[in-house]
Amino acid sequence: MFQKLIAKSMMKSPWLYHINTGSCNGCDIELVACLTPRYDVERYGFKLAGTPRHADIVVVSGPITTQSRDRLVRTLEQVPEPRCVVTIGSCPQSGNVFKGSYSIEGPLEKYCHVDVAIAGCTPKPEAIIEGLYKAAQILQKKREAMK
């Protein structure tokens, strides 16, 4: 009985873990705006997790720098399966204006599978909420496939 209750509650309230890998903080500000009362992404069940071990969805912002690459990979390994990886902005996808710099290690897809890519520099909160909703649907499908 309790296992059913836990499984049902996990489907309806995915926890997010945010990783900044060297961004200009524009995407971070928009993600925080999603948590404010104006957009209130928590009404859809999303909540920020304090540790990657409690997260269901990992949100990555910023270009993958030489300094952050190893930490990012170690952090992603700590997130339990099934997990969903979401990129916010153009930087984790392509490097954006930082592309070609000596300290940029390339797109995130080199190091892990990206489930949802939210494009833009910086994307609007509405686009972020839509991307998180898609990630929650993908996460639910992954959980059902694991049964």
N, C-alpha and C. Protein backbone atom coordinates (compact mmCIF):
# COMPACT_ATOMS: atom_id res chain seq x y z
N MET A 1 0.81 -1.18 0.00
CA MET A 1 0.00 0.00 0.00
C MET A 1 0.87 1.26 0.00
N PHE A 2 1.89 1.27 0.87
CA PHE A 2 2.74 2.44 0.96
C PHE A 2 3.57 2.64 -0.31
N GLN A 3 3.97 1.54 -0.94
CA GLN A 3 4.76 1.66 -2.17
C GLN A 3 3.96 2.34 -3.28
N LYS A 4 2.67 2.03 -3.37
CA LYS A 4 1.81 2.68 -4.37
C LYS A 4 1.70 4.17 -4.09
N LEU A 5 1.52 4.52 -2.83
CA LEU A 5 1.40 5.91 -2.43
C LEU A 5 2.68 6.68 -2.73
N ILE A 6 3.81 6.09 -2.42
CA ILE A 6 5.10 6.73 -2.69
C ILE A 6 5.31 6.90 -4.19
N ALA A 7 5.02 5.88 -4.96
CA ALA A 7 5.20 5.95 -6.41
C ALA A 7 4.31 7.03 -7.03
N LYS A 8 3.07 7.11 -6.56
CA LYS A 8 2.14 8.11 -7.09
C LYS A 8 2.59 9.53 -6.74
N SER A 9 3.08 9.71 -5.51
CA SER A 9 3.52 11.05 -5.11
C SER A 9 4.79 11.45 -5.85
N MET A 10 5.66 10.51 -6.15
CA MET A 10 6.89 10.82 -6.88
C MET A 10 6.59 11.27 -8.31
N MET A 11 5.55 10.71 -8.91
CA MET A 11 5.19 11.08 -10.28
C MET A 11 4.67 12.51 -10.34
N LYS A 12 4.01 12.94 -9.30
CA LYS A 12 3.35 14.24 -9.33
C LYS A 12 4.21 15.38 -8.80
N SER A 13 5.35 15.08 -8.19
CA SER A 13 6.16 16.17 -7.64
C SER A 13 7.65 15.93 -7.87
N PRO A 14 8.10 16.16 -9.10
CA PRO A 14 9.54 15.99 -9.38
C PRO A 14 10.37 17.08 -8.71
N TRP A 15 11.51 16.69 -8.20
CA TRP A 15 12.41 17.63 -7.56
C TRP A 15 13.51 18.01 -8.54
N LEU A 16 13.86 19.28 -8.53
CA LEU A 16 14.86 19.83 -9.44
C LEU A 16 16.17 20.09 -8.71
N TYR A 17 17.27 19.83 -9.39
CA TYR A 17 18.57 20.23 -8.90
C TYR A 17 19.21 21.09 -9.97
N HIS A 18 19.61 22.28 -9.60
CA HIS A 18 20.16 23.23 -10.57
C HIS A 18 21.68 23.27 -10.48
N ILE A 19 22.33 23.19 -11.64
CA ILE A 19 23.79 23.29 -11.72
C ILE A 19 24.14 24.43 -12.67
N ASN A 20 24.94 25.37 -12.18
CA ASN A 20 25.46 26.46 -13.01
C ASN A 20 26.89 26.10 -13.37
N THR A 21 27.17 25.95 -14.66
CA THR A 21 28.50 25.52 -15.09
C THR A 21 29.32 26.66 -15.69
N GLY A 22 29.04 27.86 -15.27
CA GLY A 22 29.85 29.00 -15.73
C GLY A 22 29.06 30.00 -16.54
N SER A 23 27.80 30.18 -16.24
CA SER A 23 26.97 31.06 -17.04
C SER A 23 27.09 32.52 -16.60
N CYS A 24 26.41 33.38 -17.34
CA CYS A 24 26.37 34.81 -17.02
C CYS A 24 25.29 35.11 -15.98
N ASN A 25 24.59 34.09 -15.53
CA ASN A 25 23.50 34.14 -14.53
C ASN A 25 22.17 34.61 -15.10
N GLY A 26 22.06 34.88 -16.37
CA GLY A 26 20.79 35.27 -16.96
C GLY A 26 19.76 34.15 -16.86
N CYS A 27 20.17 32.94 -17.20
CA CYS A 27 19.25 31.79 -17.13
C CYS A 27 18.91 31.45 -15.68
N ASP A 28 19.88 31.65 -14.79
CA ASP A 28 19.63 31.36 -13.38
C ASP A 28 18.56 32.30 -12.83
N ILE A 29 18.63 33.56 -13.22
CA ILE A 29 17.63 34.54 -12.77
C ILE A 29 16.24 34.17 -13.28
N GLU A 30 16.15 33.72 -14.53
CA GLU A 30 14.86 33.32 -15.09
C GLU A 30 14.33 32.06 -14.40
N LEU A 31 15.21 31.13 -14.04
CA LEU A 31 14.77 29.94 -13.32
C LEU A 31 14.24 30.32 -11.95
N VAL A 32 14.92 31.23 -11.28
CA VAL A 32 14.44 31.70 -9.97
C VAL A 32 13.11 32.43 -10.13
N ALA A 33 12.94 33.15 -11.24
CA ALA A 33 11.67 33.85 -11.49
C ALA A 33 10.52 32.86 -11.59
N CYS A 34 10.81 31.66 -12.08
CA CYS A 34 9.76 30.63 -12.17
C CYS A 34 9.28 30.18 -10.80
N LEU A 35 10.12 30.35 -9.79
CA LEU A 35 9.76 29.92 -8.44
C LEU A 35 9.04 31.00 -7.65
N THR A 36 9.01 32.22 -8.16
CA THR A 36 8.35 33.32 -7.46
C THR A 36 6.84 33.22 -7.60
N PRO A 37 6.09 33.96 -6.80
CA PRO A 37 4.63 33.87 -6.85
C PRO A 37 4.03 34.24 -8.22
N ARG A 38 4.73 35.01 -9.03
CA ARG A 38 4.16 35.39 -10.33
C ARG A 38 3.98 34.18 -11.24
N TYR A 39 4.99 33.32 -11.33
CA TYR A 39 4.90 32.14 -12.20
C TYR A 39 4.60 30.87 -11.41
N ASP A 40 5.11 30.77 -10.21
CA ASP A 40 4.79 29.71 -9.24
C ASP A 40 4.82 28.30 -9.84
N VAL A 41 6.01 27.86 -10.23
CA VAL A 41 6.15 26.53 -10.80
C VAL A 41 5.88 25.44 -9.75
N GLU A 42 5.91 25.81 -8.49
CA GLU A 42 5.63 24.82 -7.44
C GLU A 42 4.18 24.36 -7.47
N ARG A 43 3.29 25.13 -8.07
CA ARG A 43 1.89 24.68 -8.15
C ARG A 43 1.76 23.45 -9.04
N TYR A 44 2.76 23.21 -9.90
CA TYR A 44 2.77 22.01 -10.73
C TYR A 44 3.52 20.87 -10.06
N GLY A 45 4.00 21.10 -8.85
CA GLY A 45 4.67 20.05 -8.09
C GLY A 45 6.19 20.13 -8.11
N PHE A 46 6.77 21.02 -8.89
CA PHE A 46 8.23 21.13 -8.96
C PHE A 46 8.76 21.79 -7.69
N LYS A 47 9.86 21.26 -7.21
CA LYS A 47 10.47 21.79 -6.00
C LYS A 47 11.98 21.67 -6.14
N LEU A 48 12.71 22.64 -5.63
CA LEU A 48 14.17 22.57 -5.68
C LEU A 48 14.69 21.61 -4.62
N ALA A 49 15.64 20.78 -5.02
CA ALA A 49 16.28 19.84 -4.10
C ALA A 49 17.62 20.43 -3.67
N GLY A 50 18.00 20.17 -2.44
CA GLY A 50 19.25 20.69 -1.92
C GLY A 50 20.46 19.85 -2.28
N THR A 51 20.22 18.64 -2.72
CA THR A 51 21.30 17.72 -3.05
C THR A 51 20.92 16.92 -4.29
N PRO A 52 21.89 16.55 -5.12
CA PRO A 52 21.56 15.77 -6.33
C PRO A 52 21.00 14.39 -6.00
N ARG A 53 21.26 13.88 -4.83
CA ARG A 53 20.77 12.54 -4.46
C ARG A 53 19.26 12.51 -4.24
N HIS A 54 18.66 13.67 -4.06
CA HIS A 54 17.20 13.75 -3.89
C HIS A 54 16.50 14.21 -5.16
N ALA A 55 17.24 14.52 -6.20
CA ALA A 55 16.67 15.12 -7.41
C ALA A 55 16.14 14.08 -8.39
N ASP A 56 15.16 14.52 -9.16
CA ASP A 56 14.63 13.73 -10.27
C ASP A 56 15.03 14.34 -11.60
N ILE A 57 15.07 15.67 -11.64
CA ILE A 57 15.39 16.42 -12.85
C ILE A 57 16.58 17.31 -12.55
N VAL A 58 17.60 17.25 -13.40
CA VAL A 58 18.78 18.10 -13.26
C VAL A 58 18.68 19.21 -14.30
N VAL A 59 18.78 20.45 -13.85
CA VAL A 59 18.71 21.62 -14.72
C VAL A 59 20.11 22.21 -14.82
N VAL A 60 20.65 22.30 -16.04
CA VAL A 60 22.00 22.79 -16.26
C VAL A 60 21.93 24.11 -17.02
N SER A 61 22.66 25.11 -16.51
CA SER A 61 22.75 26.39 -17.22
C SER A 61 24.22 26.76 -17.35
N GLY A 62 24.55 27.41 -18.43
CA GLY A 62 25.91 27.87 -18.66
C GLY A 62 26.72 26.95 -19.55
N PRO A 63 27.77 27.49 -20.17
CA PRO A 63 28.64 26.65 -20.99
C PRO A 63 29.44 25.70 -20.11
N ILE A 64 29.80 24.55 -20.64
CA ILE A 64 30.57 23.58 -19.87
C ILE A 64 32.03 24.01 -19.92
N THR A 65 32.53 24.49 -18.79
CA THR A 65 33.90 24.98 -18.73
C THR A 65 34.84 23.87 -18.27
N THR A 66 36.12 24.10 -18.48
CA THR A 66 37.13 23.13 -18.06
C THR A 66 37.06 22.90 -16.56
N GLN A 67 36.84 23.96 -15.81
CA GLN A 67 36.80 23.86 -14.35
C GLN A 67 35.55 23.14 -13.85
N SER A 68 34.43 23.28 -14.55
CA SER A 68 33.18 22.70 -14.06
C SER A 68 32.87 21.32 -14.63
N ARG A 69 33.57 20.89 -15.66
CA ARG A 69 33.24 19.64 -16.34
C ARG A 69 33.26 18.42 -15.41
N ASP A 70 34.36 18.22 -14.69
CA ASP A 70 34.47 17.04 -13.83
C ASP A 70 33.46 17.08 -12.69
N ARG A 71 33.23 18.26 -12.13
CA ARG A 71 32.23 18.39 -11.06
C ARG A 71 30.83 18.09 -11.58
N LEU A 72 30.55 18.53 -12.79
CA LEU A 72 29.24 18.27 -13.40
C LEU A 72 29.03 16.77 -13.59
N VAL A 73 30.02 16.09 -14.12
CA VAL A 73 29.90 14.65 -14.37
C VAL A 73 29.72 13.90 -13.05
N ARG A 74 30.49 14.27 -12.02
CA ARG A 74 30.35 13.62 -10.71
C ARG A 74 28.97 13.88 -10.11
N THR A 75 28.47 15.09 -10.28
CA THR A 75 27.14 15.43 -9.75
C THR A 75 26.06 14.64 -10.46
N LEU A 76 26.16 14.53 -11.78
CA LEU A 76 25.16 13.78 -12.54
C LEU A 76 25.16 12.30 -12.16
N GLU A 77 26.32 11.77 -11.81
CA GLU A 77 26.39 10.36 -11.38
C GLU A 77 25.68 10.14 -10.05
N GLN A 78 25.54 11.18 -9.24
CA GLN A 78 24.89 11.05 -7.94
C GLN A 78 23.36 11.06 -8.03
N VAL A 79 22.82 11.53 -9.15
CA VAL A 79 21.37 11.60 -9.30
C VAL A 79 20.85 10.19 -9.60
N PRO A 80 19.89 9.71 -8.81
CA PRO A 80 19.40 8.34 -9.02
C PRO A 80 18.62 8.20 -10.33
N GLU A 81 18.67 6.99 -10.87
CA GLU A 81 17.89 6.66 -12.06
C GLU A 81 16.46 6.38 -11.65
N PRO A 82 15.48 6.67 -12.43
CA PRO A 82 15.56 7.40 -13.69
C PRO A 82 15.70 8.89 -13.43
N ARG A 83 16.47 9.52 -14.25
CA ARG A 83 16.65 10.96 -14.11
C ARG A 83 16.42 11.62 -15.46
N CYS A 84 16.23 12.91 -15.41
CA CYS A 84 15.99 13.68 -16.63
C CYS A 84 16.93 14.89 -16.58
N VAL A 85 17.62 15.15 -17.67
CA VAL A 85 18.55 16.28 -17.75
C VAL A 85 17.96 17.34 -18.66
N VAL A 86 17.89 18.57 -18.15
CA VAL A 86 17.32 19.71 -18.88
C VAL A 86 18.40 20.78 -19.00
N THR A 87 18.56 21.34 -20.19
CA THR A 87 19.46 22.47 -20.35
C THR A 87 18.64 23.74 -20.52
N ILE A 88 19.09 24.81 -19.89
CA ILE A 88 18.43 26.11 -20.01
C ILE A 88 19.37 27.05 -20.74
N GLY A 89 18.89 27.63 -21.82
CA GLY A 89 19.67 28.59 -22.58
C GLY A 89 20.51 27.93 -23.65
N SER A 90 21.16 28.76 -24.41
CA SER A 90 21.97 28.29 -25.54
C SER A 90 23.35 27.80 -25.11
N CYS A 91 23.84 28.25 -23.98
CA CYS A 91 25.22 27.93 -23.56
C CYS A 91 25.49 26.44 -23.37
N PRO A 92 24.66 25.69 -22.64
CA PRO A 92 24.98 24.27 -22.49
C PRO A 92 24.82 23.49 -23.79
N GLN A 93 24.08 24.03 -24.73
CA GLN A 93 23.84 23.34 -26.00
C GLN A 93 24.96 23.60 -27.00
N SER A 94 25.47 24.83 -27.04
CA SER A 94 26.44 25.17 -28.07
C SER A 94 27.63 25.98 -27.58
N GLY A 95 27.56 26.54 -26.40
CA GLY A 95 28.60 27.43 -25.93
C GLY A 95 28.26 28.88 -26.15
N ASN A 96 27.31 29.13 -27.07
CA ASN A 96 26.80 30.47 -27.36
C ASN A 96 27.95 31.45 -27.61
N VAL A 97 27.98 32.59 -26.97
CA VAL A 97 29.00 33.61 -27.22
C VAL A 97 30.36 33.18 -26.69
N PHE A 98 30.40 32.16 -25.83
CA PHE A 98 31.66 31.68 -25.27
C PHE A 98 32.31 30.61 -26.13
N LYS A 99 31.63 30.17 -27.20
CA LYS A 99 32.13 29.10 -28.06
C LYS A 99 33.48 29.51 -28.66
N GLY A 100 34.39 28.57 -28.65
CA GLY A 100 35.72 28.83 -29.19
C GLY A 100 36.70 29.33 -28.15
N SER A 101 36.23 29.61 -26.96
CA SER A 101 37.11 30.07 -25.89
C SER A 101 37.99 28.91 -25.44
N TYR A 102 39.15 29.23 -24.92
CA TYR A 102 40.08 28.20 -24.47
C TYR A 102 39.54 27.38 -23.30
N SER A 103 38.57 27.92 -22.56
CA SER A 103 38.09 27.23 -21.36
C SER A 103 36.75 26.52 -21.55
N ILE A 104 36.21 26.52 -22.77
CA ILE A 104 34.93 25.86 -23.02
C ILE A 104 35.18 24.45 -23.54
N GLU A 105 34.57 23.48 -22.89
CA GLU A 105 34.77 22.07 -23.21
C GLU A 105 33.72 21.51 -24.17
N GLY A 106 32.82 22.32 -24.62
CA GLY A 106 31.85 21.84 -25.59
C GLY A 106 30.46 21.68 -25.02
N PRO A 107 29.55 21.19 -25.84
CA PRO A 107 28.16 21.04 -25.38
C PRO A 107 28.02 19.93 -24.34
N LEU A 108 26.96 20.01 -23.57
CA LEU A 108 26.68 19.04 -22.52
C LEU A 108 26.46 17.64 -23.09
N GLU A 109 25.98 17.55 -24.30
CA GLU A 109 25.68 16.25 -24.90
C GLU A 109 26.93 15.38 -25.06
N LYS A 110 28.12 15.96 -24.96
CA LYS A 110 29.35 15.16 -24.99
C LYS A 110 29.48 14.29 -23.75
N TYR A 111 28.88 14.72 -22.65
CA TYR A 111 29.10 14.09 -21.36
C TYR A 111 27.90 13.34 -20.81
N CYS A 112 26.70 13.65 -21.28
CA CYS A 112 25.51 12.94 -20.84
C CYS A 112 24.38 13.16 -21.84
N HIS A 113 23.36 12.33 -21.71
CA HIS A 113 22.18 12.47 -22.57
C HIS A 113 21.32 13.63 -22.06
N VAL A 114 20.94 14.52 -22.97
CA VAL A 114 20.08 15.65 -22.62
C VAL A 114 18.66 15.30 -23.07
N ASP A 115 17.72 15.32 -22.14
CA ASP A 115 16.34 14.97 -22.45
C ASP A 115 15.56 16.15 -23.02
N VAL A 116 15.72 17.33 -22.44
CA VAL A 116 14.99 18.51 -22.88
C VAL A 116 15.96 19.67 -22.97
N ALA A 117 15.93 20.37 -24.10
CA ALA A 117 16.77 21.56 -24.30
C ALA A 117 15.85 22.77 -24.45
N ILE A 118 15.97 23.71 -23.52
CA ILE A 118 15.18 24.93 -23.58
C ILE A 118 16.05 26.00 -24.21
N ALA A 119 15.72 26.39 -25.42
CA ALA A 119 16.56 27.31 -26.19
C ALA A 119 16.30 28.76 -25.81
N GLY A 120 17.25 29.59 -26.15
CA GLY A 120 17.11 31.02 -25.94
C GLY A 120 18.24 31.57 -25.12
N CYS A 121 18.41 32.85 -25.21
CA CYS A 121 19.45 33.54 -24.43
C CYS A 121 18.87 34.85 -23.94
N THR A 122 18.30 34.85 -22.87
CA THR A 122 17.84 33.85 -21.94
C THR A 122 16.39 33.47 -22.26
N PRO A 123 16.02 32.22 -22.00
CA PRO A 123 14.64 31.84 -22.26
C PRO A 123 13.68 32.49 -21.26
N LYS A 124 12.48 32.73 -21.71
CA LYS A 124 11.46 33.32 -20.83
C LYS A 124 10.99 32.28 -19.82
N PRO A 125 10.47 32.73 -18.69
CA PRO A 125 9.96 31.79 -17.69
C PRO A 125 8.89 30.85 -18.24
N GLU A 126 8.07 31.33 -19.14
CA GLU A 126 7.03 30.46 -19.73
C GLU A 126 7.67 29.30 -20.47
N ALA A 127 8.76 29.56 -21.19
CA ALA A 127 9.45 28.50 -21.92
C ALA A 127 10.11 27.52 -20.96
N ILE A 128 10.64 28.03 -19.87
CA ILE A 128 11.25 27.16 -18.86
C ILE A 128 10.20 26.24 -18.23
N ILE A 129 9.05 26.80 -17.91
CA ILE A 129 7.98 26.00 -17.32
C ILE A 129 7.52 24.92 -18.29
N GLU A 130 7.39 25.27 -19.56
CA GLU A 130 7.00 24.29 -20.57
C GLU A 130 8.05 23.18 -20.70
N GLY A 131 9.32 23.55 -20.67
CA GLY A 131 10.39 22.56 -20.74
C GLY A 131 10.41 21.64 -19.53
N LEU A 132 10.16 22.21 -18.35
CA LEU A 132 10.11 21.38 -17.15
C LEU A 132 8.92 20.42 -17.19
N TYR A 133 7.80 20.89 -17.75
CA TYR A 133 6.63 20.02 -17.88
C TYR A 133 6.95 18.84 -18.81
N LYS A 134 7.64 19.13 -19.92
CA LYS A 134 8.04 18.06 -20.83
C LYS A 134 8.98 17.08 -20.14
N ALA A 135 9.89 17.62 -19.34
CA ALA A 135 10.82 16.76 -18.60
C ALA A 135 10.08 15.87 -17.62
N ALA A 136 9.06 16.40 -16.97
CA ALA A 136 8.27 15.59 -16.03
C ALA A 136 7.55 14.46 -16.76
N GLN A 137 7.07 14.73 -17.96
CA GLN A 137 6.42 13.67 -18.75
C GLN A 137 7.43 12.59 -19.15
N ILE A 138 8.62 13.01 -19.57
CA ILE A 138 9.67 12.06 -19.94
C ILE A 138 10.07 11.23 -18.73
N LEU A 139 10.19 11.87 -17.57
CA LEU A 139 10.54 11.18 -16.34
C LEU A 139 9.50 10.13 -15.98
N GLN A 140 8.23 10.48 -16.16
CA GLN A 140 7.16 9.52 -15.88
C GLN A 140 7.25 8.31 -16.80
N LYS A 141 7.54 8.54 -18.08
CA LYS A 141 7.70 7.43 -19.03
C LYS A 141 8.89 6.54 -18.65
N LYS A 142 9.97 7.17 -18.22
CA LYS A 142 11.14 6.38 -17.81
C LYS A 142 10.82 5.53 -16.58
N ARG A 143 10.05 6.08 -15.65
CA ARG A 143 9.68 5.32 -14.45
C ARG A 143 8.79 4.14 -14.80
N GLU A 144 7.86 4.36 -15.72
CA GLU A 144 6.98 3.27 -16.14
C GLU A 144 7.76 2.19 -16.86
N ALA A 145 8.78 2.58 -17.63
CA ALA A 145 9.59 1.60 -18.34
C ALA A 145 10.44 0.77 -17.39
N MET A 146 10.77 1.31 -16.22
CA MET A 146 11.59 0.60 -15.24
C MET A 146 10.81 -0.46 -14.47
N LYS A 147 9.47 -0.35 -14.49
CA LYS A 147 8.64 -1.30 -13.71
C LYS A 147 8.73 -2.70 -14.27
